[in-house]
Amino acid sequence: MSATTTPGRRSLHLGSLFAAAVIVGVAVWFAARAFAAGSCPDQDVLRVATSCRALVGSLAIRVGAVAGAAVVVMDLTSAGLRRTAESLDEERRAAFRERWSRSDGHIATSDD
């Protein structure tokens, strides 16, 4: 998103970013639960309220949430770096134009 991005386009970007984060989070949640549930024994040794499958499910939800948050953080970092690069490039171009216009005038007056 640049400074000239319209509010409608910005909300579309945020909506798609949110959707991507949710999709990644849910996919990681299901994958983590599917892979880790196989390591749980068929019968828990201790009959307690927190069984292996409940713990795996709880951890899978947390891992999915962290993965979704990572998508958001990486996108925001990317957008910030792009804006920084664009502003540095614009500053560099402005400084070059200023030096060029000064040197052009200086060459014309020093030419004998």
N, C-alpha and C. Protein backbone atom coordinates (compact mmCIF):
# COMPACT_ATOMS: atom_id res chain seq x y z
N MET A 1 0.84 -1.17 0.00
CA MET A 1 0.00 0.00 0.00
C MET A 1 0.89 1.23 0.00
N SER A 2 0.69 2.11 -0.92
CA SER A 2 1.43 3.35 -0.96
C SER A 2 0.57 4.47 -0.38
N ALA A 3 1.15 5.66 -0.34
CA ALA A 3 0.42 6.78 0.22
C ALA A 3 -0.80 7.15 -0.63
N THR A 4 -0.78 6.76 -1.90
CA THR A 4 -1.88 7.10 -2.79
C THR A 4 -2.95 6.02 -2.85
N THR A 5 -2.82 4.99 -2.03
CA THR A 5 -3.80 3.90 -2.04
C THR A 5 -5.12 4.41 -1.49
N THR A 6 -6.20 4.08 -2.18
CA THR A 6 -7.52 4.53 -1.75
C THR A 6 -7.98 3.72 -0.55
N PRO A 7 -8.88 4.29 0.27
CA PRO A 7 -9.36 3.57 1.45
C PRO A 7 -10.05 2.25 1.11
N GLY A 8 -10.78 2.20 0.00
CA GLY A 8 -11.43 0.95 -0.40
C GLY A 8 -10.43 -0.14 -0.71
N ARG A 9 -9.37 0.23 -1.39
CA ARG A 9 -8.32 -0.74 -1.72
C ARG A 9 -7.58 -1.18 -0.46
N ARG A 10 -7.38 -0.25 0.46
CA ARG A 10 -6.69 -0.57 1.71
C ARG A 10 -7.51 -1.56 2.53
N SER A 11 -8.84 -1.34 2.60
CA SER A 11 -9.69 -2.26 3.37
C SER A 11 -9.75 -3.63 2.67
N LEU A 12 -9.68 -3.64 1.35
CA LEU A 12 -9.64 -4.91 0.62
C LEU A 12 -8.36 -5.66 0.96
N HIS A 13 -7.25 -4.94 1.03
CA HIS A 13 -5.97 -5.56 1.38
C HIS A 13 -6.02 -6.11 2.81
N LEU A 14 -6.55 -5.34 3.74
CA LEU A 14 -6.64 -5.80 5.12
C LEU A 14 -7.58 -7.00 5.24
N GLY A 15 -8.67 -6.99 4.47
CA GLY A 15 -9.58 -8.12 4.47
C GLY A 15 -8.93 -9.38 3.94
N SER A 16 -8.18 -9.24 2.85
CA SER A 16 -7.50 -10.42 2.29
C SER A 16 -6.37 -10.88 3.20
N LEU A 17 -5.70 -9.95 3.88
CA LEU A 17 -4.67 -10.32 4.85
C LEU A 17 -5.28 -11.10 6.01
N PHE A 18 -6.41 -10.63 6.51
CA PHE A 18 -7.09 -11.33 7.60
C PHE A 18 -7.53 -12.72 7.15
N ALA A 19 -8.08 -12.81 5.94
CA ALA A 19 -8.52 -14.11 5.42
C ALA A 19 -7.33 -15.06 5.26
N ALA A 20 -6.21 -14.57 4.77
CA ALA A 20 -5.02 -15.41 4.62
C ALA A 20 -4.53 -15.89 5.98
N ALA A 21 -4.54 -15.00 6.97
CA ALA A 21 -4.10 -15.38 8.31
C ALA A 21 -5.00 -16.46 8.90
N VAL A 22 -6.30 -16.32 8.70
CA VAL A 22 -7.25 -17.32 9.21
C VAL A 22 -7.05 -18.65 8.50
N ILE A 23 -6.89 -18.63 7.19
CA ILE A 23 -6.70 -19.87 6.42
C ILE A 23 -5.42 -20.58 6.86
N VAL A 24 -4.33 -19.83 7.00
CA VAL A 24 -3.07 -20.43 7.43
C VAL A 24 -3.20 -20.97 8.84
N GLY A 25 -3.82 -20.20 9.73
CA GLY A 25 -3.99 -20.64 11.11
C GLY A 25 -4.80 -21.92 11.23
N VAL A 26 -5.90 -21.99 10.49
CA VAL A 26 -6.75 -23.19 10.53
C VAL A 26 -6.02 -24.39 9.91
N ALA A 27 -5.31 -24.17 8.81
CA ALA A 27 -4.57 -25.26 8.17
C ALA A 27 -3.49 -25.81 9.10
N VAL A 28 -2.77 -24.92 9.77
CA VAL A 28 -1.73 -25.36 10.70
C VAL A 28 -2.36 -26.07 11.89
N TRP A 29 -3.49 -25.57 12.36
CA TRP A 29 -4.18 -26.19 13.48
C TRP A 29 -4.56 -27.64 13.14
N PHE A 30 -5.22 -27.82 11.97
CA PHE A 30 -5.63 -29.17 11.58
C PHE A 30 -4.42 -30.08 11.35
N ALA A 31 -3.38 -29.56 10.70
CA ALA A 31 -2.19 -30.38 10.43
C ALA A 31 -1.50 -30.77 11.74
N ALA A 32 -1.35 -29.84 12.65
CA ALA A 32 -0.70 -30.14 13.93
C ALA A 32 -1.51 -31.16 14.72
N ARG A 33 -2.82 -30.99 14.73
CA ARG A 33 -3.66 -31.94 15.46
C ARG A 33 -3.61 -33.32 14.82
N ALA A 34 -3.63 -33.40 13.50
CA ALA A 34 -3.61 -34.68 12.80
C ALA A 34 -2.29 -35.42 13.02
N PHE A 35 -1.17 -34.70 12.93
CA PHE A 35 0.12 -35.35 13.09
C PHE A 35 0.40 -35.74 14.53
N ALA A 36 0.04 -34.89 15.48
CA ALA A 36 0.37 -35.16 16.87
C ALA A 36 -0.61 -36.12 17.54
N ALA A 37 -1.83 -36.19 17.06
CA ALA A 37 -2.81 -37.08 17.69
C ALA A 37 -2.41 -38.54 17.53
N GLY A 38 -1.66 -38.86 16.51
CA GLY A 38 -1.22 -40.23 16.31
C GLY A 38 -0.22 -40.69 17.36
N SER A 39 0.43 -39.76 18.02
CA SER A 39 1.40 -40.14 19.05
C SER A 39 0.76 -40.37 20.41
N CYS A 40 -0.53 -40.08 20.54
CA CYS A 40 -1.23 -40.32 21.81
C CYS A 40 -1.56 -41.81 21.94
N PRO A 41 -1.44 -42.35 23.14
CA PRO A 41 -1.81 -43.75 23.33
C PRO A 41 -3.32 -43.93 23.25
N ASP A 42 -3.74 -45.17 22.96
CA ASP A 42 -5.18 -45.44 22.87
C ASP A 42 -5.87 -45.26 24.21
N GLN A 43 -5.21 -45.64 25.27
CA GLN A 43 -5.75 -45.50 26.62
C GLN A 43 -4.79 -44.66 27.44
N ASP A 44 -5.31 -43.67 28.12
CA ASP A 44 -4.47 -42.87 29.02
C ASP A 44 -4.15 -43.70 30.27
N VAL A 45 -2.92 -43.59 30.71
CA VAL A 45 -2.50 -44.33 31.90
C VAL A 45 -3.24 -43.82 33.13
N LEU A 46 -3.30 -42.53 33.25
CA LEU A 46 -4.01 -41.93 34.37
C LEU A 46 -5.34 -41.36 33.86
N ARG A 47 -6.38 -41.65 34.52
CA ARG A 47 -7.69 -41.11 34.13
C ARG A 47 -7.85 -39.73 34.74
N VAL A 48 -7.34 -38.76 34.07
CA VAL A 48 -7.46 -37.38 34.55
C VAL A 48 -8.22 -36.58 33.51
N ALA A 49 -8.60 -35.38 33.90
CA ALA A 49 -9.42 -34.55 33.01
C ALA A 49 -8.65 -34.10 31.77
N THR A 50 -7.34 -33.99 31.89
CA THR A 50 -6.54 -33.54 30.74
C THR A 50 -5.89 -34.74 30.09
N SER A 51 -6.52 -35.27 29.09
CA SER A 51 -5.97 -36.42 28.37
C SER A 51 -4.98 -35.93 27.32
N CYS A 52 -4.29 -36.86 26.74
CA CYS A 52 -3.30 -36.55 25.70
C CYS A 52 -3.96 -35.85 24.51
N ARG A 53 -5.09 -36.35 24.09
CA ARG A 53 -5.77 -35.76 22.93
C ARG A 53 -6.24 -34.33 23.21
N ALA A 54 -6.68 -34.06 24.41
CA ALA A 54 -7.10 -32.69 24.77
C ALA A 54 -5.91 -31.75 24.79
N LEU A 55 -4.79 -32.23 25.31
CA LEU A 55 -3.58 -31.41 25.33
C LEU A 55 -3.07 -31.15 23.91
N VAL A 56 -3.09 -32.17 23.08
CA VAL A 56 -2.66 -32.01 21.68
C VAL A 56 -3.56 -31.01 20.96
N GLY A 57 -4.87 -31.13 21.18
CA GLY A 57 -5.80 -30.19 20.55
C GLY A 57 -5.58 -28.77 21.01
N SER A 58 -5.33 -28.59 22.31
CA SER A 58 -5.08 -27.25 22.84
C SER A 58 -3.79 -26.66 22.27
N LEU A 59 -2.76 -27.46 22.20
CA LEU A 59 -1.49 -27.00 21.64
C LEU A 59 -1.62 -26.70 20.15
N ALA A 60 -2.38 -27.51 19.44
CA ALA A 60 -2.57 -27.29 18.00
C ALA A 60 -3.28 -25.96 17.75
N ILE A 61 -4.25 -25.62 18.60
CA ILE A 61 -4.94 -24.33 18.44
C ILE A 61 -3.95 -23.19 18.65
N ARG A 62 -3.11 -23.31 19.65
CA ARG A 62 -2.13 -22.25 19.91
C ARG A 62 -1.12 -22.12 18.76
N VAL A 63 -0.67 -23.24 18.24
CA VAL A 63 0.28 -23.20 17.12
C VAL A 63 -0.39 -22.58 15.89
N GLY A 64 -1.65 -22.91 15.64
CA GLY A 64 -2.37 -22.30 14.52
C GLY A 64 -2.53 -20.80 14.70
N ALA A 65 -2.82 -20.36 15.93
CA ALA A 65 -2.95 -18.92 16.19
C ALA A 65 -1.62 -18.20 15.98
N VAL A 66 -0.54 -18.82 16.41
CA VAL A 66 0.79 -18.21 16.21
C VAL A 66 1.12 -18.14 14.72
N ALA A 67 0.79 -19.18 13.97
CA ALA A 67 1.05 -19.17 12.53
C ALA A 67 0.24 -18.07 11.83
N GLY A 68 -1.02 -17.91 12.22
CA GLY A 68 -1.83 -16.83 11.65
C GLY A 68 -1.28 -15.47 12.00
N ALA A 69 -0.84 -15.31 13.25
CA ALA A 69 -0.23 -14.02 13.65
C ALA A 69 1.06 -13.76 12.90
N ALA A 70 1.82 -14.82 12.62
CA ALA A 70 3.06 -14.67 11.87
C ALA A 70 2.79 -14.18 10.45
N VAL A 71 1.70 -14.62 9.85
CA VAL A 71 1.33 -14.13 8.51
C VAL A 71 1.10 -12.63 8.55
N VAL A 72 0.37 -12.17 9.56
CA VAL A 72 0.09 -10.74 9.69
C VAL A 72 1.38 -9.95 9.92
N VAL A 73 2.21 -10.43 10.83
CA VAL A 73 3.47 -9.72 11.13
C VAL A 73 4.36 -9.66 9.90
N MET A 74 4.48 -10.75 9.17
CA MET A 74 5.34 -10.75 7.98
C MET A 74 4.80 -9.82 6.90
N ASP A 75 3.49 -9.76 6.73
CA ASP A 75 2.92 -8.86 5.72
C ASP A 75 3.13 -7.41 6.12
N LEU A 76 2.90 -7.09 7.40
CA LEU A 76 3.10 -5.72 7.86
C LEU A 76 4.57 -5.32 7.77
N THR A 77 5.47 -6.25 8.08
CA THR A 77 6.90 -5.97 7.94
C THR A 77 7.26 -5.72 6.49
N SER A 78 6.72 -6.52 5.60
CA SER A 78 6.98 -6.35 4.17
C SER A 78 6.47 -5.00 3.68
N ALA A 79 5.27 -4.63 4.10
CA ALA A 79 4.71 -3.33 3.69
C ALA A 79 5.55 -2.18 4.23
N GLY A 80 6.01 -2.29 5.47
CA GLY A 80 6.84 -1.24 6.05
C GLY A 80 8.18 -1.12 5.34
N LEU A 81 8.79 -2.25 5.02
CA LEU A 81 10.06 -2.21 4.29
C LEU A 81 9.89 -1.62 2.90
N ARG A 82 8.78 -1.96 2.24
CA ARG A 82 8.54 -1.40 0.91
C ARG A 82 8.37 0.11 0.97
N ARG A 83 7.60 0.58 1.96
CA ARG A 83 7.43 2.03 2.11
C ARG A 83 8.74 2.72 2.41
N THR A 84 9.56 2.11 3.26
CA THR A 84 10.87 2.68 3.57
C THR A 84 11.74 2.75 2.33
N ALA A 85 11.76 1.69 1.55
CA ALA A 85 12.55 1.67 0.32
C ALA A 85 12.06 2.73 -0.67
N GLU A 86 10.74 2.86 -0.79
CA GLU A 86 10.19 3.87 -1.71
C GLU A 86 10.56 5.28 -1.27
N SER A 87 10.47 5.56 0.03
CA SER A 87 10.79 6.92 0.50
C SER A 87 12.28 7.19 0.38
N LEU A 88 13.14 6.19 0.67
CA LEU A 88 14.58 6.40 0.49
C LEU A 88 14.93 6.60 -0.98
N ASP A 89 14.28 5.86 -1.86
CA ASP A 89 14.52 6.03 -3.29
C ASP A 89 14.09 7.41 -3.77
N GLU A 90 12.95 7.87 -3.28
CA GLU A 90 12.47 9.20 -3.67
C GLU A 90 13.42 10.29 -3.15
N GLU A 91 13.89 10.13 -1.92
CA GLU A 91 14.86 11.10 -1.38
C GLU A 91 16.15 11.09 -2.19
N ARG A 92 16.60 9.91 -2.58
CA ARG A 92 17.82 9.80 -3.37
C ARG A 92 17.63 10.46 -4.74
N ARG A 93 16.48 10.23 -5.35
CA ARG A 93 16.22 10.87 -6.65
C ARG A 93 16.15 12.38 -6.54
N ALA A 94 15.52 12.88 -5.48
CA ALA A 94 15.42 14.33 -5.29
C ALA A 94 16.80 14.94 -5.09
N ALA A 95 17.64 14.27 -4.29
CA ALA A 95 19.00 14.77 -4.07
C ALA A 95 19.80 14.74 -5.36
N PHE A 96 19.64 13.69 -6.16
CA PHE A 96 20.34 13.60 -7.44
C PHE A 96 19.90 14.72 -8.37
N ARG A 97 18.57 14.96 -8.45
CA ARG A 97 18.08 16.05 -9.32
C ARG A 97 18.61 17.40 -8.87
N GLU A 98 18.67 17.60 -7.56
CA GLU A 98 19.18 18.87 -7.04
C GLU A 98 20.66 19.04 -7.38
N ARG A 99 21.47 17.99 -7.18
CA ARG A 99 22.89 18.05 -7.53
C ARG A 99 23.09 18.23 -9.02
N TRP A 100 22.26 17.55 -9.82
CA TRP A 100 22.39 17.65 -11.26
C TRP A 100 22.08 19.06 -11.74
N SER A 101 21.01 19.66 -11.17
CA SER A 101 20.66 21.02 -11.60
C SER A 101 21.73 22.01 -11.15
N ARG A 102 22.34 21.82 -10.00
CA ARG A 102 23.43 22.71 -9.55
C ARG A 102 24.67 22.54 -10.43
N SER A 103 25.03 21.28 -10.74
CA SER A 103 26.23 21.05 -11.55
C SER A 103 26.01 21.53 -12.98
N ASP A 104 24.79 21.44 -13.50
CA ASP A 104 24.50 21.91 -14.84
C ASP A 104 24.70 23.42 -14.92
N GLY A 105 24.23 24.14 -13.91
CA GLY A 105 24.43 25.59 -13.87
C GLY A 105 25.89 25.95 -13.64
N HIS A 106 26.59 25.16 -12.83
CA HIS A 106 27.99 25.41 -12.54
C HIS A 106 28.85 25.17 -13.76
N ILE A 107 28.58 24.15 -14.55
CA ILE A 107 29.34 23.85 -15.76
C ILE A 107 29.13 24.95 -16.80
N ALA A 108 27.91 25.45 -16.91
CA ALA A 108 27.63 26.49 -17.90
C ALA A 108 28.36 27.78 -17.58
N THR A 109 28.52 28.11 -16.29
CA THR A 109 29.21 29.36 -15.94
C THR A 109 30.71 29.19 -15.94
N SER A 110 31.25 28.00 -15.70
CA SER A 110 32.70 27.82 -15.66
C SER A 110 33.27 27.47 -17.04
N ASP A 111 32.43 27.27 -18.02
CA ASP A 111 32.89 26.91 -19.35
C ASP A 111 33.44 28.16 -20.03
N ASP A 112 34.71 28.15 -20.35
CA ASP A 112 35.33 29.33 -20.98
C ASP A 112 35.47 29.20 -22.45
